[in-house]
């Protein structure tokens, strides 16, 4: 069988074959848990990317509106109040943990774009790690099944 990972700290199928059944079960459970955590992280990144893309679109929409335009201003996800556009060139950007920074429209758009690019890069890296972890879990399952069949055939 082929190796499941390349590079240093390699966990190959040949190495897995040396493990006991209990160790293989623990390895499979651990890698399955890691894959699930990575999937959660991937979902969170997707959500954050989507929100930033919506924010970027909203910034563009604001930049083309004339001063004095009436609009609904979101206070929470479900609460909006009527408002009037005062200065479309200055926006408040949520930089996280409840902190907001005043930026120009161009700086706000640039901030959103940089964050989206960073999140997409992180997403790609996590996909790579999740794929490797999934491969390790699959290899451990195969080796475990072979060992269980051997155990069943020797005890019969």
N, C-alpha and C. Protein backbone atom coordinates (compact mmCIF):
# COMPACT_ATOMS: atom_id res chain seq x y z
N UNK A 1 0.84 -1.19 0.00
CA UNK A 1 0.00 0.00 0.00
C UNK A 1 0.88 1.25 0.00
N UNK A 2 0.34 2.33 -0.46
CA UNK A 2 1.08 3.59 -0.55
C UNK A 2 1.07 4.31 0.79
N UNK A 3 1.98 5.28 0.91
CA UNK A 3 1.99 6.07 2.13
C UNK A 3 0.84 7.06 2.13
N UNK A 4 0.41 7.45 3.31
CA UNK A 4 -0.72 8.38 3.40
C UNK A 4 -0.28 9.82 3.54
N UNK A 5 0.98 10.05 3.88
CA UNK A 5 1.49 11.41 3.99
C UNK A 5 2.92 11.43 3.51
N UNK A 6 3.34 12.58 3.01
CA UNK A 6 4.73 12.73 2.59
C UNK A 6 5.44 13.66 3.54
N UNK A 7 6.78 13.60 3.53
CA UNK A 7 7.55 14.54 4.32
C UNK A 7 7.89 13.98 5.69
N UNK A 8 8.35 14.85 6.57
CA UNK A 8 8.73 14.46 7.92
C UNK A 8 7.53 14.13 8.76
N UNK A 9 7.72 13.31 9.78
CA UNK A 9 6.61 12.93 10.65
C UNK A 9 5.60 12.08 9.89
N UNK A 10 6.12 11.24 8.99
CA UNK A 10 5.26 10.47 8.09
C UNK A 10 4.59 9.34 8.85
N UNK A 11 3.30 9.16 8.60
CA UNK A 11 2.57 8.03 9.14
C UNK A 11 2.14 7.19 7.94
N UNK A 12 2.85 6.12 7.71
CA UNK A 12 2.60 5.27 6.54
C UNK A 12 1.76 4.07 6.96
N UNK A 13 1.20 3.44 5.94
CA UNK A 13 0.41 2.24 6.19
C UNK A 13 1.30 1.17 6.82
N UNK A 14 2.55 1.10 6.38
CA UNK A 14 3.49 0.12 6.96
C UNK A 14 3.67 0.37 8.45
N UNK A 15 3.70 1.65 8.84
CA UNK A 15 3.81 1.98 10.26
C UNK A 15 2.53 1.61 11.00
N UNK A 16 1.40 1.82 10.35
CA UNK A 16 0.11 1.50 10.98
C UNK A 16 -0.02 0.00 11.22
N UNK A 17 0.56 -0.80 10.32
CA UNK A 17 0.46 -2.25 10.46
C UNK A 17 1.18 -2.75 11.70
N UNK A 18 2.10 -1.96 12.22
CA UNK A 18 2.83 -2.33 13.43
C UNK A 18 2.04 -2.02 14.70
N UNK A 19 0.99 -1.21 14.58
CA UNK A 19 0.19 -0.81 15.73
C UNK A 19 -0.78 -1.91 16.14
N UNK A 20 -1.13 -1.92 17.42
CA UNK A 20 -2.13 -2.88 17.89
C UNK A 20 -3.52 -2.42 17.46
N UNK A 21 -4.49 -3.29 17.62
CA UNK A 21 -5.87 -2.97 17.26
C UNK A 21 -6.37 -1.77 18.07
N UNK A 22 -6.04 -1.74 19.36
CA UNK A 22 -6.47 -0.63 20.21
C UNK A 22 -5.83 0.68 19.76
N UNK A 23 -4.53 0.62 19.41
CA UNK A 23 -3.85 1.82 18.93
C UNK A 23 -4.44 2.31 17.61
N UNK A 24 -4.80 1.37 16.74
CA UNK A 24 -5.41 1.75 15.46
C UNK A 24 -6.78 2.40 15.68
N UNK A 25 -7.55 1.82 16.61
CA UNK A 25 -8.85 2.41 16.92
C UNK A 25 -8.67 3.83 17.46
N UNK A 26 -7.71 4.01 18.35
CA UNK A 26 -7.45 5.34 18.91
C UNK A 26 -6.99 6.31 17.83
N UNK A 27 -6.13 5.85 16.93
CA UNK A 27 -5.66 6.69 15.83
C UNK A 27 -6.82 7.10 14.94
N UNK A 28 -7.68 6.15 14.62
CA UNK A 28 -8.83 6.45 13.76
C UNK A 28 -9.77 7.44 14.45
N UNK A 29 -10.06 7.22 15.73
CA UNK A 29 -10.94 8.14 16.46
C UNK A 29 -10.34 9.55 16.52
N UNK A 30 -9.03 9.63 16.78
CA UNK A 30 -8.36 10.92 16.86
C UNK A 30 -8.40 11.65 15.52
N UNK A 31 -8.09 10.94 14.44
CA UNK A 31 -8.09 11.60 13.13
C UNK A 31 -9.50 11.96 12.70
N UNK A 32 -10.49 11.13 13.03
CA UNK A 32 -11.89 11.47 12.72
C UNK A 32 -12.30 12.74 13.46
N UNK A 33 -11.89 12.85 14.73
CA UNK A 33 -12.19 14.04 15.52
C UNK A 33 -11.53 15.27 14.89
N UNK A 34 -10.27 15.13 14.49
CA UNK A 34 -9.56 16.25 13.86
C UNK A 34 -10.23 16.66 12.54
N UNK A 35 -10.67 15.69 11.76
CA UNK A 35 -11.35 15.99 10.50
C UNK A 35 -12.64 16.75 10.78
N UNK A 36 -13.39 16.34 11.80
CA UNK A 36 -14.63 17.04 12.15
C UNK A 36 -14.36 18.47 12.59
N UNK A 37 -13.31 18.67 13.39
CA UNK A 37 -12.95 20.02 13.82
C UNK A 37 -12.52 20.88 12.64
N UNK A 38 -11.79 20.29 11.72
CA UNK A 38 -11.37 21.02 10.52
C UNK A 38 -12.59 21.38 9.67
N UNK A 39 -13.55 20.47 9.59
CA UNK A 39 -14.79 20.77 8.84
C UNK A 39 -15.53 21.94 9.46
N UNK A 40 -15.58 21.96 10.79
CA UNK A 40 -16.22 23.09 11.48
C UNK A 40 -15.49 24.40 11.16
N UNK A 41 -14.16 24.34 11.18
CA UNK A 41 -13.37 25.53 10.85
C UNK A 41 -13.62 25.97 9.41
N UNK A 42 -13.71 25.02 8.51
CA UNK A 42 -13.99 25.34 7.10
C UNK A 42 -15.35 26.01 6.96
N UNK A 43 -16.33 25.51 7.68
CA UNK A 43 -17.67 26.12 7.64
C UNK A 43 -17.63 27.54 8.19
N UNK A 44 -16.88 27.75 9.27
CA UNK A 44 -16.76 29.09 9.85
C UNK A 44 -16.08 30.05 8.88
N UNK A 45 -15.07 29.56 8.19
CA UNK A 45 -14.37 30.41 7.21
C UNK A 45 -15.31 30.75 6.06
N UNK A 46 -16.09 29.77 5.61
CA UNK A 46 -17.07 30.03 4.54
C UNK A 46 -18.05 31.12 4.96
N UNK A 47 -18.55 31.02 6.19
CA UNK A 47 -19.50 31.99 6.70
C UNK A 47 -18.87 33.38 6.79
N UNK A 48 -17.67 33.46 7.33
CA UNK A 48 -16.98 34.75 7.45
C UNK A 48 -16.69 35.35 6.08
N UNK A 49 -16.27 34.53 5.14
CA UNK A 49 -16.00 35.01 3.78
C UNK A 49 -17.26 35.56 3.15
N UNK A 50 -18.35 34.85 3.33
CA UNK A 50 -19.63 35.29 2.77
C UNK A 50 -20.04 36.64 3.37
N UNK A 51 -19.88 36.79 4.68
CA UNK A 51 -20.24 38.05 5.34
C UNK A 51 -19.38 39.21 4.84
N UNK A 52 -18.09 38.94 4.67
CA UNK A 52 -17.20 40.00 4.18
C UNK A 52 -17.53 40.38 2.74
N UNK A 53 -17.89 39.39 1.93
CA UNK A 53 -18.26 39.70 0.55
C UNK A 53 -19.55 40.52 0.52
N UNK A 54 -20.49 40.21 1.40
CA UNK A 54 -21.72 41.00 1.51
C UNK A 54 -21.39 42.42 1.96
N UNK A 55 -20.47 42.54 2.95
CA UNK A 55 -20.07 43.86 3.43
C UNK A 55 -19.42 44.67 2.31
N UNK A 56 -18.60 44.03 1.51
CA UNK A 56 -17.93 44.71 0.41
C UNK A 56 -18.96 45.20 -0.61
N UNK A 57 -19.95 44.37 -0.90
CA UNK A 57 -21.03 44.77 -1.82
C UNK A 57 -21.81 45.94 -1.24
N UNK A 58 -22.07 45.88 0.06
CA UNK A 58 -22.80 46.98 0.72
C UNK A 58 -22.01 48.28 0.66
N UNK A 59 -20.70 48.19 0.84
CA UNK A 59 -19.87 49.39 0.74
C UNK A 59 -19.95 49.99 -0.66
N UNK A 60 -19.94 49.11 -1.65
CA UNK A 60 -20.06 49.62 -3.03
C UNK A 60 -21.41 50.31 -3.23
N UNK A 61 -22.48 49.67 -2.72
CA UNK A 61 -23.82 50.26 -2.85
C UNK A 61 -23.89 51.61 -2.14
N UNK A 62 -23.28 51.72 -0.99
CA UNK A 62 -23.28 52.99 -0.26
C UNK A 62 -22.53 54.08 -1.03
N UNK A 63 -21.44 53.69 -1.68
CA UNK A 63 -20.61 54.69 -2.36
C UNK A 63 -21.31 55.33 -3.55
N UNK A 64 -22.31 54.66 -4.11
CA UNK A 64 -23.01 55.23 -5.27
C UNK A 64 -24.29 55.97 -4.88
N UNK A 65 -24.66 55.92 -3.61
CA UNK A 65 -25.86 56.62 -3.14
C UNK A 65 -25.55 58.10 -2.89
N UNK A 66 -26.48 58.97 -3.21
CA UNK A 66 -26.25 60.40 -2.94
C UNK A 66 -26.42 60.71 -1.45
N UNK A 67 -25.75 61.76 -1.01
CA UNK A 67 -25.86 62.20 0.39
C UNK A 67 -27.32 62.57 0.66
N UNK A 68 -27.81 62.21 1.84
CA UNK A 68 -29.18 62.50 2.22
C UNK A 68 -30.17 61.38 1.87
N UNK A 69 -29.68 60.29 1.25
CA UNK A 69 -30.56 59.17 0.91
C UNK A 69 -31.13 58.54 2.17
N UNK A 70 -32.39 58.20 2.12
CA UNK A 70 -33.02 57.52 3.25
C UNK A 70 -32.73 56.02 3.12
N UNK A 71 -32.51 55.39 4.27
CA UNK A 71 -32.18 53.97 4.28
C UNK A 71 -32.52 53.36 5.63
N UNK A 72 -32.49 52.02 5.69
CA UNK A 72 -32.63 51.31 6.95
C UNK A 72 -31.23 50.94 7.43
N UNK A 73 -30.95 51.25 8.67
CA UNK A 73 -29.63 51.00 9.26
C UNK A 73 -29.74 49.80 10.20
N UNK A 74 -28.93 48.76 9.97
CA UNK A 74 -29.00 47.58 10.84
C UNK A 74 -28.34 47.84 12.20
N UNK A 75 -29.10 47.58 13.26
CA UNK A 75 -28.53 47.65 14.61
C UNK A 75 -28.11 46.26 15.07
N UNK A 76 -28.91 45.26 14.72
CA UNK A 76 -28.59 43.86 14.95
C UNK A 76 -28.97 43.11 13.68
N UNK A 77 -28.86 41.80 13.71
CA UNK A 77 -29.20 41.01 12.53
C UNK A 77 -30.68 41.11 12.17
N UNK A 78 -31.52 41.43 13.15
CA UNK A 78 -32.94 41.48 12.88
C UNK A 78 -33.60 42.81 13.22
N UNK A 79 -32.83 43.82 13.63
CA UNK A 79 -33.39 45.10 14.01
C UNK A 79 -32.79 46.21 13.15
N UNK A 80 -33.65 46.89 12.42
CA UNK A 80 -33.24 47.99 11.55
C UNK A 80 -33.99 49.25 11.95
N UNK A 81 -33.33 50.39 11.85
CA UNK A 81 -33.97 51.66 12.15
C UNK A 81 -33.82 52.57 10.93
N UNK A 82 -34.79 53.47 10.74
CA UNK A 82 -34.65 54.38 9.60
C UNK A 82 -33.50 55.36 9.82
N UNK A 83 -32.80 55.68 8.74
CA UNK A 83 -31.69 56.61 8.83
C UNK A 83 -31.51 57.36 7.53
N UNK A 84 -30.54 58.24 7.56
CA UNK A 84 -30.25 59.07 6.40
C UNK A 84 -28.74 59.06 6.19
N UNK A 85 -28.31 58.88 4.95
CA UNK A 85 -26.89 58.84 4.63
C UNK A 85 -26.30 60.23 4.76
N UNK A 86 -25.33 60.37 5.64
CA UNK A 86 -24.71 61.67 5.88
C UNK A 86 -23.45 61.83 5.05
N UNK A 87 -22.47 60.95 5.25
CA UNK A 87 -21.19 61.05 4.54
C UNK A 87 -20.80 59.65 4.09
N UNK A 88 -20.94 59.39 2.79
CA UNK A 88 -20.67 58.05 2.26
C UNK A 88 -19.18 57.76 2.14
N UNK A 89 -18.33 58.76 2.36
CA UNK A 89 -16.90 58.50 2.22
C UNK A 89 -16.29 57.96 3.51
N UNK A 90 -16.98 58.07 4.63
CA UNK A 90 -16.45 57.55 5.89
C UNK A 90 -17.35 56.42 6.37
N UNK A 91 -16.71 55.30 6.71
CA UNK A 91 -17.45 54.13 7.18
C UNK A 91 -16.79 53.60 8.45
N UNK A 92 -17.58 52.91 9.26
CA UNK A 92 -17.05 52.21 10.43
C UNK A 92 -16.85 50.75 10.04
N UNK A 93 -15.64 50.26 10.28
CA UNK A 93 -15.30 48.89 9.94
C UNK A 93 -15.14 48.10 11.22
N UNK A 94 -15.87 46.98 11.31
CA UNK A 94 -15.78 46.09 12.47
C UNK A 94 -14.51 45.27 12.31
N UNK A 95 -13.52 45.50 13.17
CA UNK A 95 -12.26 44.78 13.08
C UNK A 95 -12.21 43.59 14.04
N UNK A 96 -13.33 43.32 14.70
CA UNK A 96 -13.43 42.15 15.56
C UNK A 96 -13.53 42.50 17.02
N UNK A 97 -14.10 41.58 17.77
CA UNK A 97 -14.31 41.68 19.22
C UNK A 97 -14.93 42.99 19.65
N UNK A 98 -15.84 43.51 18.84
CA UNK A 98 -16.57 44.71 19.20
C UNK A 98 -15.84 46.02 18.94
N UNK A 99 -14.71 45.97 18.26
CA UNK A 99 -13.97 47.19 17.95
C UNK A 99 -14.27 47.65 16.53
N UNK A 100 -14.50 48.95 16.39
CA UNK A 100 -14.78 49.55 15.10
C UNK A 100 -13.75 50.64 14.83
N UNK A 101 -13.36 50.76 13.56
CA UNK A 101 -12.39 51.77 13.16
C UNK A 101 -13.01 52.57 12.03
N UNK A 102 -12.88 53.90 12.10
CA UNK A 102 -13.39 54.73 11.01
C UNK A 102 -12.36 54.72 9.89
N UNK A 103 -12.85 54.45 8.69
CA UNK A 103 -11.99 54.40 7.51
C UNK A 103 -12.70 55.12 6.37
N UNK A 104 -11.92 55.46 5.36
CA UNK A 104 -12.54 55.99 4.15
C UNK A 104 -13.19 54.83 3.41
N UNK A 105 -14.03 55.15 2.45
CA UNK A 105 -14.71 54.11 1.68
C UNK A 105 -13.68 53.20 1.00
N UNK A 106 -12.65 53.79 0.40
CA UNK A 106 -11.63 52.99 -0.30
C UNK A 106 -10.88 52.08 0.69
N UNK A 107 -10.56 52.60 1.87
CA UNK A 107 -9.88 51.80 2.88
C UNK A 107 -10.77 50.66 3.37
N UNK A 108 -12.06 50.94 3.51
CA UNK A 108 -13.01 49.91 3.94
C UNK A 108 -13.12 48.79 2.91
N UNK A 109 -13.20 49.17 1.64
CA UNK A 109 -13.26 48.16 0.57
C UNK A 109 -11.98 47.34 0.54
N UNK A 110 -10.83 48.02 0.69
CA UNK A 110 -9.54 47.34 0.69
C UNK A 110 -9.44 46.38 1.87
N UNK A 111 -9.92 46.80 3.03
CA UNK A 111 -9.91 45.94 4.22
C UNK A 111 -10.71 44.66 3.95
N UNK A 112 -11.91 44.82 3.40
CA UNK A 112 -12.75 43.65 3.12
C UNK A 112 -12.07 42.72 2.12
N UNK A 113 -11.48 43.29 1.10
CA UNK A 113 -10.82 42.49 0.07
C UNK A 113 -9.63 41.72 0.65
N UNK A 114 -8.83 42.38 1.47
CA UNK A 114 -7.68 41.70 2.08
C UNK A 114 -8.12 40.58 3.00
N UNK A 115 -9.17 40.83 3.78
CA UNK A 115 -9.66 39.79 4.69
C UNK A 115 -10.22 38.59 3.93
N UNK A 116 -10.94 38.86 2.84
CA UNK A 116 -11.48 37.77 2.01
C UNK A 116 -10.33 36.95 1.44
N UNK A 117 -9.30 37.61 0.93
CA UNK A 117 -8.15 36.89 0.38
C UNK A 117 -7.45 36.05 1.44
N UNK A 118 -7.31 36.60 2.64
CA UNK A 118 -6.69 35.86 3.74
C UNK A 118 -7.52 34.63 4.10
N UNK A 119 -8.83 34.82 4.20
CA UNK A 119 -9.70 33.70 4.54
C UNK A 119 -9.68 32.62 3.46
N UNK A 120 -9.64 33.03 2.21
CA UNK A 120 -9.58 32.04 1.12
C UNK A 120 -8.27 31.27 1.16
N UNK A 121 -7.18 31.94 1.50
CA UNK A 121 -5.89 31.27 1.63
C UNK A 121 -5.93 30.27 2.79
N UNK A 122 -6.48 30.70 3.93
CA UNK A 122 -6.62 29.79 5.07
C UNK A 122 -7.51 28.61 4.73
N UNK A 123 -8.57 28.87 3.98
CA UNK A 123 -9.50 27.82 3.57
C UNK A 123 -8.75 26.76 2.76
N UNK A 124 -7.96 27.21 1.79
CA UNK A 124 -7.21 26.28 0.95
C UNK A 124 -6.23 25.45 1.77
N UNK A 125 -5.57 26.07 2.74
CA UNK A 125 -4.63 25.35 3.60
C UNK A 125 -5.37 24.31 4.46
N UNK A 126 -6.52 24.69 4.99
CA UNK A 126 -7.29 23.75 5.82
C UNK A 126 -7.81 22.59 5.00
N UNK A 127 -8.19 22.85 3.76
CA UNK A 127 -8.66 21.77 2.88
C UNK A 127 -7.54 20.74 2.71
N UNK A 128 -6.33 21.23 2.50
CA UNK A 128 -5.18 20.34 2.32
C UNK A 128 -4.94 19.49 3.57
N UNK A 129 -4.98 20.12 4.74
CA UNK A 129 -4.77 19.40 6.00
C UNK A 129 -5.90 18.40 6.23
N UNK A 130 -7.14 18.81 5.98
CA UNK A 130 -8.29 17.91 6.18
C UNK A 130 -8.21 16.70 5.25
N UNK A 131 -7.76 16.92 4.03
CA UNK A 131 -7.62 15.82 3.09
C UNK A 131 -6.59 14.81 3.57
N UNK A 132 -5.47 15.31 4.09
CA UNK A 132 -4.42 14.42 4.62
C UNK A 132 -4.94 13.64 5.83
N UNK A 133 -5.65 14.35 6.72
CA UNK A 133 -6.19 13.68 7.92
C UNK A 133 -7.21 12.62 7.53
N UNK A 134 -8.04 12.94 6.56
CA UNK A 134 -9.05 11.98 6.09
C UNK A 134 -8.37 10.75 5.50
N UNK A 135 -7.30 10.97 4.77
CA UNK A 135 -6.55 9.87 4.19
C UNK A 135 -5.96 8.97 5.28
N UNK A 136 -5.43 9.58 6.33
CA UNK A 136 -4.89 8.81 7.45
C UNK A 136 -5.99 7.99 8.11
N UNK A 137 -7.15 8.61 8.32
CA UNK A 137 -8.28 7.90 8.93
C UNK A 137 -8.72 6.73 8.06
N UNK A 138 -8.77 6.96 6.75
CA UNK A 138 -9.18 5.88 5.82
C UNK A 138 -8.16 4.74 5.84
N UNK A 139 -6.86 5.09 5.84
CA UNK A 139 -5.83 4.06 5.88
C UNK A 139 -5.91 3.28 7.18
N UNK A 140 -6.13 3.97 8.28
CA UNK A 140 -6.25 3.29 9.58
C UNK A 140 -7.45 2.35 9.58
N UNK A 141 -8.53 2.75 8.96
CA UNK A 141 -9.72 1.89 8.86
C UNK A 141 -9.41 0.62 8.09
N UNK A 142 -8.72 0.76 6.98
CA UNK A 142 -8.38 -0.40 6.15
C UNK A 142 -7.47 -1.35 6.93
N UNK A 143 -6.43 -0.82 7.55
CA UNK A 143 -5.50 -1.66 8.31
C UNK A 143 -6.23 -2.32 9.48
N UNK A 144 -7.11 -1.58 10.14
CA UNK A 144 -7.87 -2.13 11.26
C UNK A 144 -8.77 -3.27 10.79
N UNK A 145 -9.43 -3.09 9.68
CA UNK A 145 -10.29 -4.15 9.15
C UNK A 145 -9.49 -5.40 8.80
N UNK A 146 -8.32 -5.22 8.20
CA UNK A 146 -7.46 -6.36 7.87
C UNK A 146 -7.05 -7.10 9.15
N UNK A 147 -6.64 -6.34 10.16
CA UNK A 147 -6.21 -6.96 11.42
C UNK A 147 -7.37 -7.69 12.10
N UNK A 148 -8.57 -7.10 12.05
CA UNK A 148 -9.73 -7.76 12.67
C UNK A 148 -10.09 -9.04 11.92
N UNK A 149 -9.96 -9.05 10.59
CA UNK A 149 -10.22 -10.27 9.81
C UNK A 149 -9.19 -11.33 10.13
N UNK A 150 -7.92 -10.90 10.26
CA UNK A 150 -6.86 -11.87 10.63
C UNK A 150 -7.12 -12.44 12.01
N UNK A 151 -7.53 -11.61 12.93
CA UNK A 151 -7.82 -12.06 14.29
C UNK A 151 -8.99 -13.05 14.29
N UNK A 152 -10.01 -12.74 13.50
CA UNK A 152 -11.20 -13.62 13.43
C UNK A 152 -10.82 -14.96 12.78
N UNK A 153 -9.98 -14.94 11.77
CA UNK A 153 -9.62 -16.19 11.09
C UNK A 153 -8.69 -17.06 11.95
N UNK A 154 -7.87 -16.43 12.79
CA UNK A 154 -6.97 -17.23 13.65
C UNK A 154 -7.71 -17.78 14.86
N UNK A 155 -8.78 -17.10 15.27
CA UNK A 155 -9.51 -17.59 16.44
C UNK A 155 -10.56 -18.61 16.05
N UNK A 156 -10.81 -18.80 14.77
CA UNK A 156 -11.83 -19.77 14.32
C UNK A 156 -11.29 -21.16 14.30
